[in-house]
C-alpha cells in the first residue's frame, strides 16, 4: 500500500512517492484511525514493516467513536496477531 493511498495534507502524489522511495522516513500507525479511514491496518503494518516504530492500538466503531479494547469493531485482534 504505497503512500499514494494515504491522506497526507499538502503533499502531492509525486512527493508521496518520492518520500517512500528516497527516504527512510519512519511511521506511527494508529490502527483505529486507519480503520476509520477505510485502510487495512494489518496491511499497512506489513507494507511498511520495519519502518513502523510505533503502533497505536485503539478500538471503536467505524463512525469515530472510540471504546475500550475488544469492545469495538476495529481489527484489534488481527493487529495483535
Protein backbone atom coordinates (compact mmCIF):
# COMPACT_ATOMS: atom_id res chain seq x y z
CA UNK A 1 0.00 0.00 0.00
CA UNK A 2 2.04 2.95 -1.23
CA UNK A 3 1.87 6.37 0.33
CA UNK A 4 -0.32 7.47 -2.57
CA UNK A 5 -3.23 5.70 -0.86
CA UNK A 6 -2.80 7.73 2.31
CA UNK A 7 -4.02 11.18 3.20
CA UNK A 8 -1.09 13.50 3.86
CA UNK A 9 -2.27 17.12 3.71
CA UNK A 10 -0.42 19.48 1.36
CA UNK A 11 1.78 16.73 -0.09
CA UNK A 12 1.35 15.89 -3.79
CA UNK A 13 1.16 12.32 -5.09
CA UNK A 14 4.61 12.78 -6.64
CA UNK A 15 6.04 13.95 -3.31
CA UNK A 16 4.47 10.95 -1.51
CA UNK A 17 6.15 8.58 -3.97
CA UNK A 18 9.47 10.34 -3.51
CA UNK A 19 9.16 10.18 0.31
CA UNK A 20 8.51 6.47 0.10
CA UNK A 21 11.25 5.63 -2.38
CA UNK A 22 14.04 8.02 -1.46
CA UNK A 23 13.88 8.35 2.32
CA UNK A 24 13.97 6.16 5.37
CA UNK A 25 11.07 8.05 6.97
CA UNK A 26 9.60 6.24 9.98
CA UNK A 27 5.91 5.73 10.71
CA UNK A 28 3.46 5.50 13.56
CA UNK A 29 0.37 3.52 12.60
CA UNK A 30 -2.77 4.42 14.51
CA UNK A 31 -4.74 1.23 13.93
CA UNK A 32 -8.10 2.73 14.83
CA UNK A 33 -7.92 5.82 12.64
CA UNK A 34 -6.57 3.84 9.71
CA UNK A 35 -9.61 1.56 10.18
CA UNK A 36 -12.00 4.55 10.26
CA UNK A 37 -10.34 5.84 7.07
CA UNK A 38 -11.07 2.51 5.37
CA UNK A 39 -7.46 1.32 5.36
CA UNK A 40 -6.39 -2.18 6.40
CA UNK A 41 -4.19 -1.71 9.48
CA UNK A 42 -2.64 -5.17 9.12
CA UNK A 43 -1.70 -4.50 5.50
CA UNK A 44 -0.25 -1.10 6.43
CA UNK A 45 1.91 -2.76 9.09
CA UNK A 46 3.07 -5.43 6.64
CA UNK A 47 3.76 -2.92 3.89
CA UNK A 48 5.80 -0.50 5.98
CA UNK A 49 7.35 -3.28 8.10
CA UNK A 50 10.50 -2.18 9.89
CA UNK A 51 9.74 1.46 9.05
CA UNK A 52 6.96 1.38 11.68
CA UNK A 53 8.38 2.49 15.03
CA UNK A 54 5.10 2.83 16.95
CA UNK A 55 1.76 1.05 16.75
CA UNK A 56 -1.08 2.94 18.43
CA UNK A 57 -3.64 0.22 19.16
CA UNK A 58 -7.17 1.50 19.74
CA UNK A 59 -10.69 0.22 19.25
CA UNK A 60 -14.02 1.76 18.29
CA UNK A 61 -16.74 1.84 15.70
CA UNK A 62 -16.39 2.90 12.04
CA UNK A 63 -18.00 6.27 12.78
CA UNK A 64 -15.21 7.56 15.01
CA UNK A 65 -16.49 6.60 18.45
CA UNK A 66 -13.67 5.08 20.49
CA UNK A 67 -14.30 2.30 23.03
CA UNK A 68 -12.22 0.06 25.28
CA UNK A 69 -10.06 -2.54 23.53
CA UNK A 70 -12.08 -5.55 22.44
CA UNK A 71 -15.45 -3.79 22.59
CA UNK A 72 -15.44 -2.17 19.15
CA UNK A 73 -15.24 -3.36 15.57
CA UNK A 74 -11.69 -2.23 14.74
CA UNK A 75 -9.28 -5.09 13.91
CA UNK A 76 -7.58 -5.20 17.32
CA UNK A 77 -7.16 -8.98 17.41
CA UNK A 78 -5.82 -9.13 13.85
CA UNK A 79 -3.28 -6.38 14.53
CA UNK A 80 -2.03 -8.13 17.65
CA UNK A 81 -1.54 -11.39 15.77
